Amino acid sequence: MSLVHDIAVRIPTIRRLRDARDALLRERDELATRLLTNEGDRFFHYAAVFDPQEVMRRHAVAGLQPSPGYLTNFLGVRIDPKFFPTLLQGRDGQVEDIPIPANWHADIAEWGAALRAVDLSRGTFTMIELGCGWGCWMNNTGVAARRNGRDVHVIGIEGDEGHLGFAREALATNGFAPDQVTLRRGIAAPTGGVALFPRQEAAGTHWGLEPIFGATDEACRREAQSGRYDALPMIALDELVAPHARIDLLHIDIQGGEADFIVGCLPSLQRTVAYILVGTHSRQIEGRIIEALLQAGWVLEIERAAIIALHEGRPQVVVDGVQGWRNPGLTPG
């Protein structure tokens, strides 16, 4: 009963924290927009063992034509502005330039690392996007790999049903056949179990929703009845990679759980994953990941630290950090 009571006590506190977090996220988004507009040179402050700008330019598609109803990016990926109404409203029918140093979604370090994983693949390209949202990296790397002659399979895990619907729509729009796509609703975790995931009224409103792990059966029933949370399966990495001999890219963006996930999944990562691209949500997380993967023999190929602002004397992440890691056991240098 003590665990049940603990969960019951935690839920109202978590709701209050979530409201405060949403206010901070709105402030963060405003800061990020100003950063992209006025201080884009900060996105050049990455360290890399390869030239990510050359990689981006090589994958850019020449002569792209506008597509009515969609924003088309430099890889030819079509994006419905409804996925991000506050950012992309009025941009349908446009074609984006190469995002150097950044665009509304990602910067040189993240684009470069994702396309580096495509370059390191051979013949086939299989990737997993944890916290896939609308399927951004499934679409971008999948389209780039397909254009370079790879046999593609993309896998996405997402907790928000509306965002999962966006991913299905975007993948179909960009020409992926059903047998090239695996989409699952759930929460990525080192082991199985059940997590509570917040509901939102309209998909595309919030992109940083965080699960509650370790909820009891009683808490799951109560919160599901309240309409505020859904009880979702925790999907272990072993289960995801089991059907595949090799994962060419694992993209991890799980709102602060990245280090715990990587540490908890190291044996599976060593066996199966050739490249990890991770979005980091604090300097502490960055340090833990670096320590864990260096000790395991991985090679850090590109890194840009999280961009922070100071809020009442505490660091607030304005733009997530980026790390790209190569597994030399599967992809020698």
Protein backbone atom coordinates (compact mmCIF):
# COMPACT_ATOMS: atom_id res chain seq x y z
CA MET A 1 0.00 0.00 0.00
CA SER A 2 2.92 2.37 0.62
CA LEU A 3 3.88 2.32 -3.07
CA VAL A 4 0.26 2.96 -4.12
CA HIS A 5 0.08 5.84 -1.66
CA ASP A 6 3.37 7.21 -2.92
CA ILE A 7 2.12 7.22 -6.53
CA ALA A 8 -1.17 8.85 -5.45
CA VAL A 9 0.76 11.60 -3.67
CA ARG A 10 3.14 12.12 -6.60
CA ILE A 11 0.51 12.58 -9.34
CA PRO A 12 -0.90 16.00 -8.18
CA THR A 13 2.65 17.26 -7.62
CA ILE A 14 3.63 16.10 -11.09
CA ARG A 15 0.64 17.96 -12.55
CA ARG A 16 1.71 21.20 -10.87
CA LEU A 17 5.27 20.69 -12.05
CA ARG A 18 3.98 20.00 -15.56
CA ASP A 19 2.10 23.32 -15.61
CA ALA A 20 5.24 25.12 -14.47
CA ARG A 21 7.28 23.20 -17.02
CA ASP A 22 4.87 24.19 -19.83
CA ALA A 23 5.38 27.85 -18.94
CA LEU A 24 9.14 27.36 -19.03
CA LEU A 25 8.88 25.52 -22.34
CA ARG A 26 7.00 28.45 -23.86
CA GLU A 27 9.72 30.77 -22.63
CA ARG A 28 12.37 28.37 -23.95
CA ASP A 29 10.73 28.24 -27.38
CA GLU A 30 10.72 32.04 -27.56
CA LEU A 31 14.41 32.08 -26.62
CA ALA A 32 15.18 29.39 -29.19
CA THR A 33 13.39 31.34 -31.93
CA ARG A 34 15.41 34.45 -31.10
CA LEU A 35 18.56 32.34 -31.05
CA LEU A 36 17.88 30.91 -34.51
CA THR A 37 17.09 34.37 -35.86
CA ASN A 38 19.78 36.48 -34.23
CA GLU A 39 22.51 34.21 -32.85
CA GLY A 40 22.73 31.38 -35.36
CA ASP A 41 26.53 31.43 -35.20
CA ARG A 42 26.29 29.52 -31.92
CA PHE A 43 25.27 26.46 -33.94
CA PHE A 44 28.72 26.46 -35.53
CA HIS A 45 30.20 25.67 -32.12
CA TYR A 46 30.37 21.90 -32.57
CA ALA A 47 33.32 19.49 -32.50
CA ALA A 48 33.50 16.75 -35.14
CA VAL A 49 35.85 14.19 -36.68
CA PHE A 50 34.14 14.58 -40.07
CA ASP A 51 32.80 17.56 -42.01
CA PRO A 52 29.05 17.70 -41.31
CA GLN A 53 28.48 20.63 -43.67
CA GLU A 54 30.04 18.67 -46.55
CA VAL A 55 27.80 15.72 -45.70
CA MET A 56 24.70 17.94 -45.73
CA ARG A 57 25.62 19.55 -49.04
CA ARG A 58 26.32 16.19 -50.64
CA HIS A 59 22.88 14.86 -49.64
CA ALA A 60 21.03 18.05 -50.66
CA VAL A 61 18.78 17.55 -53.69
CA ALA A 62 19.14 20.01 -56.54
CA GLY A 63 16.17 21.43 -58.44
CA LEU A 64 13.47 20.68 -55.88
CA GLN A 65 10.03 21.97 -56.83
CA PRO A 66 7.43 23.34 -54.38
CA SER A 67 4.69 20.96 -53.33
CA PRO A 68 1.28 22.56 -52.65
CA GLY A 69 0.23 22.10 -49.05
CA TYR A 70 3.68 21.09 -47.83
CA LEU A 71 6.99 22.59 -46.77
CA THR A 72 9.75 20.76 -48.65
CA ASN A 73 13.18 20.53 -47.03
CA PHE A 74 16.60 20.26 -48.66
CA LEU A 75 16.39 16.45 -48.81
CA GLY A 76 13.05 16.54 -50.61
CA VAL A 77 11.06 15.52 -47.52
CA ARG A 78 7.55 17.00 -47.51
CA ILE A 79 6.22 18.25 -44.17
CA ASP A 80 2.65 19.28 -43.44
CA PRO A 81 2.68 22.61 -41.55
CA LYS A 82 -0.16 21.35 -39.33
CA PHE A 83 2.45 19.27 -37.45
CA PHE A 84 3.94 22.53 -36.07
CA PRO A 85 1.25 25.18 -36.55
CA THR A 86 3.05 27.86 -34.51
CA LEU A 87 6.31 27.42 -36.44
CA LEU A 88 5.25 26.47 -39.97
CA GLN A 89 1.98 28.29 -40.54
CA GLY A 90 2.09 29.96 -43.96
CA ARG A 91 5.13 28.02 -45.16
CA ASP A 92 3.29 25.50 -47.32
CA GLY A 93 4.45 25.59 -50.92
CA GLN A 94 7.98 26.62 -49.92
CA VAL A 95 11.30 24.82 -50.45
CA GLU A 96 13.89 25.22 -47.68
CA ASP A 97 17.57 25.88 -48.24
CA ILE A 98 20.23 23.71 -46.63
CA PRO A 99 19.89 24.44 -42.88
CA ILE A 100 23.36 25.81 -42.22
CA PRO A 101 23.65 26.59 -39.40
CA ALA A 102 20.09 25.53 -38.43
CA ASN A 103 16.41 25.57 -39.30
CA TRP A 104 13.24 25.42 -37.25
CA HIS A 105 13.95 21.85 -36.18
CA ALA A 106 17.65 20.95 -36.13
CA ASP A 107 21.17 22.29 -36.60
CA ILE A 108 24.38 21.28 -38.37
CA ALA A 109 25.41 18.81 -35.67
CA GLU A 110 22.15 16.84 -35.73
CA TRP A 111 21.70 16.89 -39.51
CA GLY A 112 25.33 15.94 -40.00
CA ALA A 113 25.23 13.03 -37.54
CA ALA A 114 21.99 11.63 -38.99
CA LEU A 115 23.31 11.70 -42.55
CA ARG A 116 26.69 10.34 -41.41
CA ALA A 117 24.85 7.21 -40.23
CA VAL A 118 23.32 6.89 -43.71
CA ASP A 119 26.78 7.15 -45.28
CA LEU A 120 28.17 4.44 -42.99
CA SER A 121 25.40 1.97 -43.89
CA ARG A 122 25.91 -0.55 -46.68
CA GLY A 123 23.20 -1.93 -48.94
CA THR A 124 20.43 -1.66 -46.36
CA PHE A 125 19.47 1.03 -43.89
CA THR A 126 17.50 0.21 -40.75
CA MET A 127 16.88 2.88 -38.14
CA ILE A 128 14.92 3.33 -34.91
CA GLU A 129 13.61 6.68 -33.69
CA LEU A 130 12.69 6.71 -29.99
CA GLY A 131 10.17 9.45 -29.25
CA CYS A 132 9.56 9.74 -32.99
CA GLY A 133 6.90 12.49 -32.94
CA TRP A 134 5.90 13.05 -36.58
CA GLY A 135 8.70 10.75 -37.74
CA CYS A 136 11.22 13.49 -38.46
CA TRP A 137 14.35 11.35 -38.54
CA MET A 138 12.56 8.33 -39.94
CA ASN A 139 11.55 10.46 -42.92
CA ASN A 140 14.79 12.42 -43.32
CA THR A 141 17.26 9.55 -43.03
CA GLY A 142 14.94 7.11 -44.79
CA VAL A 143 14.53 9.39 -47.80
CA ALA A 144 18.29 10.08 -47.95
CA ALA A 145 19.12 6.37 -47.69
CA ARG A 146 16.54 5.42 -50.32
CA ARG A 147 17.91 8.02 -52.72
CA ASN A 148 21.35 6.46 -52.25
CA GLY A 149 20.16 3.00 -53.18
CA ARG A 150 19.59 1.49 -49.73
CA ASP A 151 16.83 -0.97 -48.91
CA VAL A 152 15.14 0.96 -46.10
CA HIS A 153 13.23 -0.01 -42.95
CA VAL A 154 12.29 2.65 -40.37
CA ILE A 155 10.96 2.00 -36.86
CA GLY A 156 9.33 4.56 -34.57
CA ILE A 157 8.19 4.52 -30.93
CA GLU A 158 5.92 7.29 -29.67
CA GLY A 159 3.67 7.80 -26.66
CA ASP A 160 1.27 10.40 -28.11
CA GLU A 161 -1.40 8.86 -30.36
CA GLY A 162 -1.87 12.08 -32.31
CA HIS A 163 1.84 12.35 -33.05
CA LEU A 164 1.89 8.72 -34.10
CA GLY A 165 -0.87 9.59 -36.57
CA PHE A 166 1.30 12.42 -37.90
CA ALA A 167 4.15 9.93 -38.39
CA ARG A 168 1.92 7.52 -40.34
CA GLU A 169 0.74 10.36 -42.55
CA ALA A 170 4.21 11.82 -43.12
CA LEU A 171 5.76 8.46 -44.01
CA ALA A 172 3.01 7.73 -46.51
CA THR A 173 3.36 11.23 -47.99
CA ASN A 174 7.08 10.64 -48.48
CA GLY A 175 6.62 7.37 -50.30
CA PHE A 176 7.30 4.67 -47.70
CA ALA A 177 5.41 1.43 -48.25
CA PRO A 178 3.71 -0.23 -45.24
CA ASP A 179 6.26 -3.07 -45.18
CA GLN A 180 9.07 -0.50 -44.84
CA VAL A 181 7.62 1.00 -41.66
CA THR A 182 7.09 -0.21 -38.08
CA LEU A 183 5.27 2.17 -35.73
CA ARG A 184 4.43 1.33 -32.12
CA ARG A 185 2.73 3.28 -29.41
CA GLY A 186 4.64 3.00 -26.15
CA ILE A 187 7.57 4.28 -24.12
CA ALA A 188 11.15 3.23 -24.84
CA ALA A 189 12.86 1.78 -21.77
CA PRO A 190 15.67 -0.60 -20.84
CA THR A 191 13.10 -3.16 -19.65
CA GLY A 192 9.39 -3.87 -20.07
CA GLY A 193 6.62 -2.62 -17.80
CA VAL A 194 3.93 0.08 -17.76
CA ALA A 195 4.28 3.86 -17.79
CA LEU A 196 1.75 6.68 -17.59
CA PHE A 197 1.86 9.16 -20.47
CA PRO A 198 0.10 12.58 -20.43
CA ARG A 199 -2.73 13.21 -22.86
CA GLN A 200 -3.05 16.46 -24.77
CA GLU A 201 -6.12 17.91 -26.42
CA ALA A 202 -4.55 18.53 -29.82
CA ALA A 203 -1.52 16.85 -31.37
CA GLY A 204 1.30 19.25 -32.17
CA THR A 205 0.64 21.46 -29.13
CA HIS A 206 3.29 19.93 -26.87
CA TRP A 207 6.35 18.00 -28.08
CA GLY A 208 8.09 17.44 -24.74
CA LEU A 209 5.61 15.33 -22.77
CA GLU A 210 7.28 13.11 -20.16
CA PRO A 211 6.16 9.65 -18.98
CA ILE A 212 5.84 8.50 -15.38
CA PHE A 213 7.63 5.20 -14.92
CA GLY A 214 6.85 2.53 -12.36
CA ALA A 215 3.13 3.28 -11.89
CA THR A 216 1.10 0.66 -10.01
CA ASP A 217 -1.96 -1.06 -11.49
CA GLU A 218 -4.20 1.03 -9.25
CA ALA A 219 -2.53 4.29 -10.30
CA CYS A 220 -2.83 3.29 -13.96
CA ARG A 221 -6.57 2.60 -13.61
CA ARG A 222 -7.21 5.81 -11.70
CA GLU A 223 -5.29 8.08 -14.05
CA ALA A 224 -6.73 6.42 -17.16
CA GLN A 225 -10.22 7.08 -15.78
CA SER A 226 -9.28 10.69 -15.05
CA GLY A 227 -8.56 11.26 -18.74
CA ARG A 228 -5.24 12.92 -18.00
CA TYR A 229 -2.95 9.96 -18.68
CA ASP A 230 -2.81 6.79 -20.72
CA ALA A 231 -1.20 3.61 -19.43
CA LEU A 232 1.28 2.53 -22.10
CA PRO A 233 3.69 -0.39 -22.44
CA MET A 234 7.37 0.20 -21.78
CA ILE A 235 9.10 -1.27 -24.82
CA ALA A 236 12.56 -2.72 -24.20
CA LEU A 237 15.32 -2.16 -26.75
CA ASP A 238 15.98 -5.91 -26.91
CA GLU A 239 12.44 -6.38 -28.19
CA LEU A 240 12.87 -3.70 -30.86
CA VAL A 241 16.17 -4.93 -32.25
CA ALA A 242 15.43 -8.67 -32.08
CA PRO A 243 14.12 -8.97 -35.69
CA HIS A 244 17.16 -7.13 -37.11
CA ALA A 245 20.80 -8.13 -37.47
CA ARG A 246 21.95 -4.49 -37.42
CA ILE A 247 20.49 -1.08 -36.60
CA ASP A 248 22.33 1.55 -38.64
CA LEU A 249 20.98 4.46 -36.62
CA LEU A 250 19.32 4.75 -33.22
CA HIS A 251 17.94 8.26 -32.66
CA ILE A 252 17.17 8.95 -29.00
CA ASP A 253 15.16 11.97 -27.88
CA ILE A 254 13.21 10.95 -24.82
CA GLN A 255 12.97 14.14 -22.76
CA GLY A 256 15.66 13.60 -20.17
CA GLY A 257 15.76 9.80 -20.02
CA GLU A 258 18.63 9.42 -22.50
CA ALA A 259 21.46 8.59 -20.09
CA ASP A 260 19.42 6.05 -18.09
CA PHE A 261 18.34 4.39 -21.33
CA ILE A 262 21.86 4.15 -22.76
CA VAL A 263 23.39 2.85 -19.52
CA GLY A 264 20.59 0.32 -19.10
CA CYS A 265 20.83 -0.91 -22.69
CA LEU A 266 24.59 -1.04 -23.26
CA PRO A 267 24.83 -4.80 -24.02
CA SER A 268 22.12 -4.54 -26.71
CA LEU A 269 23.66 -1.36 -28.11
CA GLN A 270 27.06 -3.05 -28.38
CA ARG A 271 25.65 -6.04 -30.26
CA THR A 272 23.29 -4.39 -32.68
CA VAL A 273 23.51 -0.58 -33.02
CA ALA A 274 26.09 0.91 -35.39
CA TYR A 275 25.42 4.60 -34.70
CA ILE A 276 23.68 6.55 -31.94
CA LEU A 277 22.37 10.09 -32.38
CA VAL A 278 21.14 11.44 -29.07
CA GLY A 279 19.50 14.71 -28.11
CA THR A 280 20.62 15.70 -24.62
CA HIS A 281 18.53 17.65 -22.14
CA SER A 282 21.12 18.73 -19.56
CA ARG A 283 24.86 19.05 -19.08
CA GLN A 284 24.66 16.29 -16.46
CA ILE A 285 23.09 13.94 -19.01
CA GLU A 286 25.81 14.82 -21.53
CA GLY A 287 28.53 13.89 -19.04
CA ARG A 288 26.92 10.58 -18.07
CA ILE A 289 26.53 9.52 -21.70
CA ILE A 290 30.11 10.46 -22.55
CA GLU A 291 31.44 8.52 -19.58
CA ALA A 292 29.34 5.42 -20.31
CA LEU A 293 30.00 5.18 -24.04
CA LEU A 294 33.71 6.02 -23.89
CA GLN A 295 34.20 3.29 -21.29
CA ALA A 296 32.36 0.90 -23.62
CA GLY A 297 34.72 1.75 -26.49
CA TRP A 298 32.42 3.90 -28.63
CA VAL A 299 33.78 6.80 -30.70
CA LEU A 300 32.31 10.28 -30.25
CA GLU A 301 32.21 11.67 -33.80
CA ILE A 302 30.30 14.92 -33.32
CA GLU A 303 29.15 16.92 -30.32
CA ARG A 304 27.44 20.22 -29.62
CA ALA A 305 26.68 20.99 -26.01
CA ALA A 306 23.19 21.96 -24.93
CA ILE A 307 22.63 25.70 -25.26
CA ILE A 308 21.47 27.09 -21.94
CA ALA A 309 20.06 30.24 -20.42
CA LEU A 310 20.10 31.06 -16.72
CA HIS A 311 16.67 31.22 -15.07
CA GLU A 312 16.74 32.45 -11.48
CA GLY A 313 20.33 31.27 -11.17
CA ARG A 314 19.69 27.80 -12.59
CA PRO A 315 20.58 26.45 -16.05
CA GLN A 316 17.64 26.12 -18.41
CA VAL A 317 18.17 24.27 -21.67
CA VAL A 318 17.13 26.47 -24.59
CA VAL A 319 18.26 24.08 -27.34
CA ASP A 320 18.97 20.39 -26.72
CA GLY A 321 22.55 19.20 -27.09
CA VAL A 322 23.63 16.71 -29.77
CA GLN A 323 25.99 13.75 -29.65
CA GLY A 324 26.78 11.33 -32.50
CA TRP A 325 28.49 8.04 -31.56
CA ARG A 326 29.96 5.31 -33.79
CA ASN A 327 30.20 1.71 -32.61
CA PRO A 328 33.62 0.54 -33.89
CA GLY A 329 32.65 -3.08 -33.30
CA LEU A 330 30.05 -2.79 -36.08
CA THR A 331 31.42 0.11 -38.14
CA PRO A 332 35.23 0.33 -38.13
CA GLY A 333 36.73 3.73 -38.79
